[in-house]
């Protein structure tokens, strides 16, 4: 024999499956026998309606009071936090401002020292460059002066040979006594013979070559 619990365990799924199998699917329309059927509206007595209204009003009043209490408490807590946070934020802001100011002063000092060092290096380089340019200019000027002195000395030496009114007669007599002939001839071998009246003489071998 089966016990009651085992019997229920065996039969309940069958009932559920049977009910589910005979349930109308959702996508089917309303049955024709129930299209125009209007369900009867439930009626409530006046005493029950008044009692429900009283309970509903009491519930709304209590919930409103609870919400107001929590709202006021939240506002007080928020104002306290805001005041504390405002004082704290002001203190933090003042501390942050002081820290930033100190850090800014430190950076300015470091940048100023670096700028001063860089300026000193630039001035030293500029002085070296200027000194080198001045030395180069002095050397170039000394070379020019030396060249000019040499040219002046050469001109002074050459001036001794210049013809002046004082030695004009002597220069004329010297030119007449030592005539200079600027004529010259060149043979086929490239030999140069200076003078208009120069006698050309070849060796024997050269005479045969010249004859040919």
Protein backbone atom coordinates (compact mmCIF):
# COMPACT_ATOMS: atom_id res chain seq x y z
CA UNK A 1 0.00 0.00 0.00
CA UNK A 2 1.07 3.54 -0.77
CA UNK A 3 1.35 6.18 1.93
CA UNK A 4 -0.50 9.50 1.69
CA UNK A 5 2.64 11.53 1.08
CA UNK A 6 3.85 9.25 -1.68
CA UNK A 7 0.42 9.28 -3.21
CA UNK A 8 0.34 13.10 -3.24
CA UNK A 9 3.81 13.26 -4.72
CA UNK A 10 2.69 10.96 -7.51
CA UNK A 11 -0.68 12.61 -8.22
CA UNK A 12 0.09 16.36 -7.87
CA UNK A 13 2.33 16.57 -10.96
CA UNK A 14 -0.37 14.77 -12.91
CA UNK A 15 -2.94 17.37 -11.84
CA UNK A 16 -0.61 20.23 -12.67
CA UNK A 17 0.24 18.74 -16.03
CA UNK A 18 -3.43 18.14 -16.77
CA UNK A 19 -4.40 21.71 -15.85
CA UNK A 20 -1.54 23.09 -17.87
CA UNK A 21 -2.41 20.96 -20.84
CA UNK A 22 -6.08 22.14 -20.88
CA UNK A 23 -5.22 25.86 -20.31
CA UNK A 24 -5.91 28.12 -23.28
CA UNK A 25 -2.79 29.57 -24.92
CA UNK A 26 -2.16 33.28 -24.63
CA UNK A 27 -2.32 34.01 -28.33
CA UNK A 28 -5.88 32.70 -28.77
CA UNK A 29 -8.71 35.31 -28.65
CA UNK A 30 -11.52 35.43 -26.11
CA UNK A 31 -13.99 32.60 -26.42
CA UNK A 32 -17.24 33.47 -28.20
CA UNK A 33 -19.25 32.42 -25.18
CA UNK A 34 -17.41 34.99 -23.04
CA UNK A 35 -17.11 37.92 -25.44
CA UNK A 36 -20.14 39.81 -24.15
CA UNK A 37 -20.00 38.55 -20.61
CA UNK A 38 -19.57 41.47 -18.16
CA UNK A 39 -18.29 40.42 -14.79
CA UNK A 40 -20.26 41.69 -11.83
CA UNK A 41 -18.57 44.54 -10.00
CA UNK A 42 -17.96 43.71 -6.36
CA UNK A 43 -19.99 45.78 -3.98
CA UNK A 44 -18.62 47.22 -0.75
CA UNK A 45 -20.70 48.36 2.18
CA UNK A 46 -20.60 51.96 3.35
CA UNK A 47 -19.06 51.08 6.70
CA UNK A 48 -16.28 49.09 5.00
CA UNK A 49 -15.63 51.93 2.52
CA UNK A 50 -15.38 54.50 5.36
CA UNK A 51 -13.06 52.24 7.33
CA UNK A 52 -10.81 51.65 4.32
CA UNK A 53 -10.71 55.38 3.62
CA UNK A 54 -9.77 56.08 7.26
CA UNK A 55 -7.01 53.49 7.21
CA UNK A 56 -5.74 54.83 3.89
CA UNK A 57 -5.68 58.41 5.21
CA UNK A 58 -3.92 57.32 8.38
CA UNK A 59 -1.35 55.43 6.32
CA UNK A 60 -0.70 58.44 4.07
CA UNK A 61 -0.44 60.77 7.11
CA UNK A 62 2.02 58.50 8.86
CA UNK A 63 4.13 57.97 5.74
CA UNK A 64 4.15 61.74 5.12
CA UNK A 65 5.30 62.34 8.69
CA UNK A 66 8.05 59.71 8.37
CA UNK A 67 9.22 61.18 5.09
CA UNK A 68 9.20 64.70 6.55
CA UNK A 69 11.16 63.50 9.60
CA UNK A 70 13.82 61.81 7.48
CA UNK A 71 13.89 64.75 5.11
CA UNK A 72 14.47 67.28 7.93
CA UNK A 73 17.02 64.99 9.52
CA UNK A 74 18.81 64.65 6.20
CA UNK A 75 18.78 68.45 5.73
CA UNK A 76 20.23 68.99 9.22
CA UNK A 77 22.93 66.38 8.64
CA UNK A 78 23.70 67.83 5.25
CA UNK A 79 23.91 71.38 6.61
CA UNK A 80 26.21 70.16 9.41
CA UNK A 81 28.37 68.31 6.93
CA UNK A 82 28.34 71.29 4.59
CA UNK A 83 29.42 73.67 7.34
CA UNK A 84 32.10 71.27 8.53
CA UNK A 85 33.15 70.48 5.00
CA UNK A 86 33.15 74.18 4.09
CA UNK A 87 35.44 74.98 7.03
CA UNK A 88 37.55 71.97 6.21
CA UNK A 89 37.57 72.83 2.53
CA UNK A 90 38.58 76.40 3.33
CA UNK A 91 41.38 75.12 5.54
CA UNK A 92 42.42 72.61 2.90
CA UNK A 93 42.24 75.28 0.25
CA UNK A 94 44.39 77.62 2.38
CA UNK A 95 46.90 74.82 3.01
CA UNK A 96 46.92 73.93 -0.68
CA UNK A 97 47.39 77.60 -1.60
CA UNK A 98 50.31 77.92 0.83
CA UNK A 99 51.86 74.73 -0.50
CA UNK A 100 51.44 75.87 -4.10
CA UNK A 101 52.88 79.29 -3.25
CA UNK A 102 55.89 77.72 -1.55
CA UNK A 103 56.39 75.33 -4.46
CA UNK A 104 56.05 78.19 -6.94
CA UNK A 105 58.65 80.22 -5.06
CA UNK A 106 60.98 77.22 -5.07
CA UNK A 107 60.52 76.75 -8.82
CA UNK A 108 61.06 80.47 -9.42
CA UNK A 109 64.29 80.37 -7.40
CA UNK A 110 65.54 77.32 -9.32
CA UNK A 111 64.61 78.86 -12.67
CA UNK A 112 66.21 82.18 -11.67
CA UNK A 113 69.44 80.41 -10.65
CA UNK A 114 69.48 78.42 -13.88
CA UNK A 115 68.78 81.59 -15.89
CA UNK A 116 71.59 83.45 -14.11
CA UNK A 117 74.00 80.58 -14.73
CA UNK A 118 72.96 80.43 -18.37
CA UNK A 119 73.39 84.21 -18.68
CA UNK A 120 76.89 83.99 -17.21
CA UNK A 121 77.82 81.26 -19.67
CA UNK A 122 76.38 83.24 -22.56
CA UNK A 123 78.30 86.37 -21.47
CA UNK A 124 81.53 84.33 -21.15
CA UNK A 125 81.01 82.82 -24.61
CA UNK A 126 80.23 86.26 -26.03
CA UNK A 127 83.37 87.71 -24.45
CA UNK A 128 85.47 84.85 -25.85
CA UNK A 129 83.90 85.31 -29.28
CA UNK A 130 84.43 89.09 -29.17
CA UNK A 131 88.04 88.68 -28.02
CA UNK A 132 88.71 86.13 -30.77
CA UNK A 133 87.16 88.48 -33.36
CA UNK A 134 89.26 91.39 -32.06
CA UNK A 135 92.42 89.29 -32.16
CA UNK A 136 91.58 88.15 -35.69
CA UNK A 137 90.90 91.73 -36.75
CA UNK A 138 94.17 92.89 -35.14
CA UNK A 139 96.09 90.11 -36.86
CA UNK A 140 94.45 90.96 -40.18
CA UNK A 141 95.26 94.65 -39.64
CA UNK A 142 98.88 93.81 -38.77
CA UNK A 143 99.15 91.73 -41.96
CA UNK A 144 97.70 94.58 -44.00
CA UNK A 145 100.08 97.07 -42.35
CA UNK A 146 103.02 94.74 -43.02
CA UNK A 147 102.04 94.33 -46.66
CA UNK A 148 101.56 98.07 -47.01
CA UNK A 149 104.99 98.70 -45.39
CA UNK A 150 106.62 96.22 -47.79
CA UNK A 151 104.94 97.89 -50.76
CA UNK A 152 106.06 101.31 -49.50
CA UNK A 153 109.60 100.05 -49.04
CA UNK A 154 109.56 98.51 -52.53
CA UNK A 155 108.26 101.75 -53.97
CA UNK A 156 110.98 103.65 -52.12
CA UNK A 157 113.59 101.30 -53.59
CA UNK A 158 112.05 101.70 -57.03
CA UNK A 159 111.91 105.44 -56.62
CA UNK A 160 115.69 105.50 -56.73
CA UNK A 161 115.53 104.41 -60.39
CA UNK A 162 112.87 106.92 -61.37
CA UNK A 163 113.76 109.56 -63.91
CA UNK A 164 113.58 112.98 -62.32
CA UNK A 165 114.35 116.44 -63.70
CA UNK A 166 117.72 116.28 -61.95
CA UNK A 167 118.91 113.04 -63.65
CA UNK A 168 117.05 113.41 -66.93
CA UNK A 169 120.21 114.22 -68.99
CA UNK A 170 122.07 111.32 -67.44
CA UNK A 171 119.18 108.90 -68.23
CA UNK A 172 119.09 110.10 -71.83
CA UNK A 173 122.86 109.58 -72.27
CA UNK A 174 122.56 106.10 -70.71
CA UNK A 175 119.70 105.11 -73.01
CA UNK A 176 121.62 106.30 -76.07
CA UNK A 177 124.77 104.47 -74.98
CA UNK A 178 122.90 101.25 -74.24
CA UNK A 179 120.17 100.82 -76.83
CA UNK A 180 117.66 98.04 -76.12
CA UNK A 181 116.16 96.05 -78.96
CA UNK A 182 112.87 94.40 -78.08
CA UNK A 183 112.65 92.44 -81.36
CA UNK A 184 113.22 88.69 -81.31
CA UNK A 185 112.70 85.65 -83.53
CA UNK A 186 111.77 82.05 -82.87
CA UNK A 187 112.79 79.18 -85.15
CA UNK A 188 111.00 75.88 -85.77
CA UNK A 189 112.56 74.30 -82.69
CA UNK A 190 111.35 77.07 -80.42
CA UNK A 191 114.78 78.72 -80.03
CA UNK A 192 114.55 82.45 -79.32
CA UNK A 193 116.92 84.95 -80.94
CA UNK A 194 116.74 88.43 -79.53
CA UNK A 195 117.60 91.60 -81.47
CA UNK A 196 116.95 92.78 -84.98
CA UNK A 197 120.53 92.40 -86.19
CA UNK A 198 121.46 89.21 -84.37
CA UNK A 199 123.28 86.73 -86.55
CA UNK A 200 121.81 83.27 -86.36
CA UNK A 201 124.39 80.48 -86.27
CA UNK A 202 123.52 76.78 -86.22
CA UNK A 203 125.75 73.80 -85.63
CA UNK A 204 126.56 71.62 -88.64
CA UNK A 205 123.82 69.16 -87.88
CA UNK A 206 121.33 71.95 -87.42
CA UNK A 207 122.39 73.57 -90.75
CA UNK A 208 121.56 70.33 -92.61
CA UNK A 209 118.25 70.14 -90.82
CA UNK A 210 117.55 73.80 -91.65
CA UNK A 211 118.45 73.23 -95.28
CA UNK A 212 116.13 70.31 -95.57
